[in-house]
Protein backbone atom coordinates (compact mmCIF):
# COMPACT_ATOMS: atom_id res chain seq x y z
CA UNK A 1 98.64 60.44 53.72
CA UNK A 2 98.35 61.50 57.33
CA UNK A 3 98.69 65.25 57.91
CA UNK A 4 100.69 66.83 60.75
CA UNK A 5 97.47 68.03 62.36
CA UNK A 6 96.11 64.50 62.50
CA UNK A 7 99.36 63.25 64.04
CA UNK A 8 99.25 65.92 66.72
CA UNK A 9 95.60 65.10 67.45
CA UNK A 10 96.47 61.42 67.83
CA UNK A 11 99.39 62.21 70.13
CA UNK A 12 97.27 64.56 72.21
CA UNK A 13 94.58 61.93 72.65
CA UNK A 14 97.16 59.29 73.62
CA UNK A 15 98.80 61.62 76.14
CA UNK A 16 95.47 62.50 77.75
CA UNK A 17 94.69 58.81 78.18
CA UNK A 18 98.16 58.06 79.59
CA UNK A 19 99.30 55.91 76.66
CA UNK A 20 102.91 57.10 76.37
CA UNK A 21 103.93 54.19 74.14
CA UNK A 22 101.46 55.08 71.40
CA UNK A 23 102.40 58.75 71.63
CA UNK A 24 106.12 57.93 71.37
CA UNK A 25 105.62 55.70 68.33
CA UNK A 26 103.47 58.30 66.54
CA UNK A 27 105.97 61.07 67.19
CA UNK A 28 108.93 58.94 66.16
CA UNK A 29 107.28 58.14 62.84
CA UNK A 30 106.34 61.75 62.33
CA UNK A 31 109.91 62.88 63.12
CA UNK A 32 111.25 60.57 60.43
CA UNK A 33 108.63 61.67 57.91
CA UNK A 34 109.06 65.40 58.47
CA UNK A 35 112.77 65.67 59.16
CA UNK A 36 112.94 69.42 58.63
CA UNK A 37 110.21 70.11 61.18
CA UNK A 38 111.76 70.37 64.70
CA UNK A 39 108.41 70.41 66.51
CA UNK A 40 107.89 66.66 66.23
CA UNK A 41 111.45 65.99 67.42
CA UNK A 42 111.05 68.21 70.49
CA UNK A 43 107.73 66.57 71.35
CA UNK A 44 109.28 63.15 70.85
CA UNK A 45 112.11 64.01 73.26
CA UNK A 46 109.59 65.28 75.82
CA UNK A 47 107.75 61.95 75.73
CA UNK A 48 111.06 60.10 76.12
CA UNK A 49 111.78 62.20 79.24
CA UNK A 50 108.41 61.23 80.70
CA UNK A 51 109.26 57.62 80.03
CA UNK A 52 112.55 58.03 81.90
CA UNK A 53 114.69 57.59 78.78
CA UNK A 54 116.92 60.61 79.39
CA UNK A 55 119.89 59.38 77.32
CA UNK A 56 117.72 58.94 74.20
CA UNK A 57 116.02 62.22 74.82
CA UNK A 58 119.41 63.97 75.10
CA UNK A 59 120.39 62.70 71.63
CA UNK A 60 117.13 63.91 70.14
CA UNK A 61 117.50 67.34 71.77
CA UNK A 62 121.05 67.76 70.48
CA UNK A 63 119.94 66.89 66.95
CA UNK A 64 117.29 69.56 67.19
CA UNK A 65 119.87 72.08 68.41
CA UNK A 66 122.02 71.40 65.34
CA UNK A 67 119.14 72.00 62.94
CA UNK A 68 117.45 74.78 64.92
CA UNK A 69 119.99 76.42 67.24
CA UNK A 70 117.46 79.09 68.27
CA UNK A 71 115.18 76.62 70.06
CA UNK A 72 115.50 77.44 73.77
CA UNK A 73 113.23 74.56 74.79
CA UNK A 74 115.59 72.08 73.12
CA UNK A 75 118.58 73.64 74.90
CA UNK A 76 116.93 73.48 78.31
CA UNK A 77 115.71 69.94 77.70
CA UNK A 78 119.19 68.82 76.71
CA UNK A 79 120.73 70.47 79.78
CA UNK A 80 118.25 68.77 82.12
CA UNK A 81 118.87 65.41 80.47
CA UNK A 82 122.61 65.98 80.88
CA UNK A 83 122.06 66.56 84.62
CA UNK A 84 120.01 63.37 84.88
CA UNK A 85 122.66 61.33 83.07
CA UNK A 86 125.54 62.74 85.16
CA UNK A 87 127.17 64.81 82.42
CA UNK A 88 127.97 67.88 84.46
CA UNK A 89 130.35 69.63 82.05
CA UNK A 90 127.90 69.28 79.16
CA UNK A 91 125.08 70.60 81.34
CA UNK A 92 127.17 73.62 82.34
CA UNK A 93 127.87 74.44 78.69
CA UNK A 94 124.21 74.03 77.73
CA UNK A 95 122.99 76.29 80.56
CA UNK A 96 125.58 78.90 79.64
CA UNK A 97 124.36 78.74 76.05
CA UNK A 98 120.78 79.11 77.25
CA UNK A 99 121.59 82.55 78.70
CA UNK A 100 122.24 83.78 75.16
CA UNK A 101 118.89 82.34 74.04
CA UNK A 102 116.90 84.17 76.73
CA UNK A 103 117.16 81.93 79.77
CA UNK A 104 116.91 83.89 83.02
CA UNK A 105 120.03 84.27 85.13
CA UNK A 106 118.40 82.61 88.14
CA UNK A 107 117.49 79.47 86.19
CA UNK A 108 120.83 79.38 84.40
CA UNK A 109 122.79 79.81 87.62
CA UNK A 110 120.70 77.13 89.30
CA UNK A 111 121.46 74.70 86.47
CA UNK A 112 125.17 75.52 86.49
CA UNK A 113 125.33 75.12 90.27
CA UNK A 114 123.63 71.72 90.02
CA UNK A 115 126.11 70.66 87.36
CA UNK A 116 128.88 71.55 89.83
CA UNK A 117 127.15 69.66 92.65
CA UNK A 118 127.04 66.42 90.69
CA UNK A 119 130.81 66.85 90.22
CA UNK A 120 131.20 67.29 94.01
CA UNK A 121 132.24 70.95 93.71
CA UNK A 122 129.95 72.18 96.48
CA UNK A 123 131.93 75.27 97.48
CA UNK A 124 132.12 76.52 93.91
CA UNK A 125 128.42 75.82 93.47
CA UNK A 126 127.74 77.73 96.71
CA UNK A 127 129.72 80.75 95.51
CA UNK A 128 127.87 80.95 92.20
CA UNK A 129 124.46 80.35 93.78
CA UNK A 130 124.87 82.79 96.68
CA UNK A 131 126.15 85.54 94.37
CA UNK A 132 123.16 85.31 92.07
CA UNK A 133 120.77 84.83 95.00
CA UNK A 134 121.86 88.08 96.62
CA UNK A 135 121.94 90.00 93.34
CA UNK A 136 118.30 89.03 92.66
CA UNK A 137 117.20 90.34 96.06
CA UNK A 138 117.00 87.00 97.93
CA UNK A 139 113.80 86.15 96.05
CA UNK A 140 114.74 83.05 94.04
CA UNK A 141 113.16 80.00 95.64
CA UNK A 142 115.14 77.63 93.40
CA UNK A 143 118.49 79.04 94.45
CA UNK A 144 117.38 79.16 98.07
CA UNK A 145 116.47 75.49 97.93
CA UNK A 146 119.84 74.61 96.42
CA UNK A 147 121.66 76.57 99.13
CA UNK A 148 119.75 74.69 101.81
CA UNK A 149 120.65 71.43 100.09
CA UNK A 150 124.40 72.04 99.97
CA UNK A 151 124.64 73.96 103.26
CA UNK A 152 125.66 70.84 105.26
CA UNK A 153 128.57 70.21 102.85
CA UNK A 154 129.81 73.78 102.96
CA UNK A 155 129.08 74.50 106.62
CA UNK A 156 127.68 77.96 105.80
CA UNK A 157 124.33 79.21 107.04
CA UNK A 158 121.68 79.92 104.46
CA UNK A 159 120.40 83.52 104.22
CA UNK A 160 116.72 84.09 104.67
CA UNK A 161 114.38 84.15 101.70
CA UNK A 162 112.57 87.39 100.95
CA UNK A 163 109.04 86.12 100.48
CA UNK A 164 107.56 89.53 99.72
CA UNK A 165 105.95 89.57 96.27
CA UNK A 166 107.19 86.04 95.44
CA UNK A 167 103.83 84.31 95.26
CA UNK A 168 103.50 81.79 92.45
CA UNK A 169 100.16 81.85 90.67
CA UNK A 170 98.80 78.46 89.83
CA UNK A 171 98.57 78.33 86.04
CA UNK A 172 96.64 75.07 86.03
CA UNK A 173 93.03 76.15 85.75
CA UNK A 174 91.61 72.68 85.18
CA UNK A 175 88.88 71.89 87.62
CA UNK A 176 88.25 75.49 88.49
CA UNK A 177 84.58 76.04 89.40
CA UNK A 178 83.82 72.35 89.10
CA UNK A 179 83.97 70.86 92.58
CA UNK A 180 83.16 73.99 94.55
CA UNK A 181 81.03 76.77 93.17
CA UNK A 182 82.30 80.29 93.15
CA UNK A 183 80.34 82.18 95.83
CA UNK A 184 80.35 85.26 93.62
CA UNK A 185 78.42 83.32 90.97
CA UNK A 186 75.82 81.96 93.36
CA UNK A 187 72.29 83.23 93.12
CA UNK A 188 71.57 86.15 95.39
CA UNK A 189 68.95 85.42 98.00
CA UNK A 190 67.38 87.72 100.54
CA UNK A 191 68.02 86.30 103.98
CA UNK A 192 66.30 87.21 107.20
CA UNK A 193 67.40 90.57 108.49
CA UNK A 194 67.94 92.17 105.08
CA UNK A 195 66.33 95.42 104.06
CA UNK A 196 64.01 93.57 101.72
CA UNK A 197 62.91 91.19 104.43
CA UNK A 198 62.30 94.03 106.88
CA UNK A 199 60.29 95.87 104.25
CA UNK A 200 58.18 92.79 103.60
CA UNK A 201 59.18 92.45 99.94
CA UNK A 202 60.01 89.08 98.46
CA UNK A 203 62.54 88.50 95.72
CA UNK A 204 60.01 87.92 92.93
CA UNK A 205 58.28 91.20 93.62
CA UNK A 206 61.51 93.21 93.84
CA UNK A 207 63.63 91.66 91.08
CA UNK A 208 61.28 90.14 88.56
CA UNK A 209 58.21 92.34 88.62
CA UNK A 210 59.75 95.48 90.09
CA UNK A 211 56.35 96.77 91.22
CA UNK A 212 56.02 97.39 94.92
CA UNK A 213 52.76 98.97 96.01
CA UNK A 214 53.17 101.66 98.64
CA UNK A 215 49.91 100.73 100.33
CA UNK A 216 51.29 97.26 100.95
CA UNK A 217 54.38 98.62 102.72
CA UNK A 218 52.45 101.28 104.68
CA UNK A 219 49.22 99.43 105.36
CA UNK A 220 48.08 101.13 108.56
CA UNK A 221 46.05 99.01 110.92
CA UNK A 222 43.41 100.15 113.36
CA UNK A 223 45.95 100.44 116.16
CA UNK A 224 47.96 103.04 114.25
CA UNK A 225 50.80 100.72 113.15
CA UNK A 226 51.71 98.81 110.01
CA UNK A 227 51.85 95.08 109.46
CA UNK A 228 55.59 95.29 110.13
CA UNK A 229 55.10 96.82 113.57
CA UNK A 230 56.01 100.37 112.58
CA UNK A 231 54.12 103.00 114.59
CA UNK A 232 52.60 105.59 112.26
CA UNK A 233 50.17 107.12 114.72
CA UNK A 234 51.90 110.50 114.45
CA UNK A 235 51.02 110.61 110.77
CA UNK A 236 47.31 110.07 111.28
CA UNK A 237 44.71 112.78 110.59
CA UNK A 238 43.88 115.11 113.52
CA UNK A 239 40.77 114.36 115.55
CA UNK A 240 39.36 117.94 115.20
CA UNK A 241 37.79 118.29 111.77
CA UNK A 242 38.22 121.57 109.89
CA UNK A 243 35.09 123.70 109.26
CA UNK A 244 33.20 122.51 106.25
CA UNK A 245 30.70 125.35 105.63
CA UNK A 246 30.81 129.13 105.20
CA UNK A 247 28.73 129.67 108.33
CA UNK A 248 31.15 127.74 110.45
CA UNK A 249 34.04 129.76 109.05
CA UNK A 250 32.33 133.11 109.82
CA UNK A 251 31.41 132.02 113.32
CA UNK A 252 34.97 130.92 113.99
CA UNK A 253 36.30 134.24 112.71
CA UNK A 254 33.80 136.16 114.92
CA UNK A 255 34.89 134.20 117.96
CA UNK A 256 38.50 134.95 117.19
CA UNK A 257 37.68 138.66 116.92
CA UNK A 258 35.87 138.62 120.28
CA UNK A 259 38.84 136.97 121.95
CA UNK A 260 41.46 139.21 120.32
CA UNK A 261 40.12 142.81 120.68
CA UNK A 262 42.62 145.66 120.80
CA UNK A 263 41.99 149.41 121.22
CA UNK A 264 43.22 151.50 118.33
CA UNK A 265 44.38 155.02 119.31
CA UNK A 266 44.86 157.66 116.68
CA UNK A 267 47.92 159.84 117.23
CA UNK A 268 47.97 163.43 116.17
CA UNK A 269 51.25 164.71 114.81
CA UNK A 270 50.79 168.12 116.41
CA UNK A 271 49.92 166.91 119.85
CA UNK A 272 48.98 163.91 121.89
CA UNK A 273 46.41 161.28 121.26
CA UNK A 274 43.29 162.42 119.39
CA UNK A 275 39.91 161.13 120.36
CA UNK A 276 37.14 160.43 117.92
CA UNK A 277 34.59 163.14 117.04
CA UNK A 278 31.75 161.20 118.65
CA UNK A 279 33.51 160.86 122.00
CA UNK A 280 32.56 162.84 125.19
CA UNK A 281 33.08 166.64 125.44
CA UNK A 282 35.39 166.37 128.37
CA UNK A 283 38.04 164.66 126.38
CA UNK A 284 37.63 166.79 123.24
CA UNK A 285 40.32 169.39 122.61
CA UNK A 286 40.20 171.86 119.72
CA UNK A 287 43.01 172.41 117.37
CA UNK A 288 43.55 176.02 118.47
CA UNK A 289 43.88 175.11 122.08
CA UNK A 290 46.39 172.45 121.28
CA UNK A 291 48.34 174.84 119.11
CA UNK A 292 48.39 177.51 121.82
CA UNK A 293 49.90 175.21 124.27
CA UNK A 294 52.87 174.57 122.00
CA UNK A 295 55.93 176.76 122.55
CA UNK A 296 56.39 178.04 119.03
CA UNK A 297 59.33 180.48 118.75
CA UNK A 298 57.71 182.14 115.74
CA UNK A 299 54.38 183.02 117.37
CA UNK A 300 55.29 186.75 117.62
CA UNK A 301 56.01 187.03 113.90
CA UNK A 302 53.42 189.00 111.94
CA UNK A 303 51.22 187.15 109.56
CA UNK A 304 51.93 187.75 105.89
């Protein structure tokens, strides 16, 4: 006996190949075999809608709603089939019921307004659509399209659509990254003018090996520059070599002393400058003579 999983796999394969007849037959048989399972009935009605058999699909949807009244997809499908078959009053009831099942007010109002349009009640449809359109912040594209459609019949200008934050994200991700490659996934390559190219490093050396010799980057040529044209002459060694022996060092120190000779004068705290003992007699001054020349206010005091 065929299992439900095998039936769904067969239907899925038939739908992908575009064979709606085989999918409809398989789902019809499965709906009769598993009468208490509403999934096969809903899928069967969906295939009937794709085949353009809206009247048959409406019957199937309504049977599902009797057995499983909580199925919102069956309610919406039945309402759309009622619109396609010209049953405006039934569509209005079904959309009103869908609000209690979780249908958004914009979609429900749009369906109700369309059910009024097919009954030639354009002004009433305009009133319901414009009220919900303004209450939702002028952001519903479906209601805005309906207002533009019935504007010639009502003679009322359509308010502008607030397109801020109303972008619709494409949920169909089939074919993504197939025809055109994502540039973020492309392999990184070092083009001319990059830091790696200016440094003279190729991709294999930088990424794969990771070893970059410094002498390769700063290979100084005889002219004082690198292979990249960078002038490093200022970093070269000075032309004057430092002294290498002790004799050279002593001779250099002696020459410095000869060039930088300064006279050192010893200062006496009791008088003026004091000359050395080995200097001439004319400049020598004894300590007593220096002391006598000082104006000491205590010279007349007796010695103790």
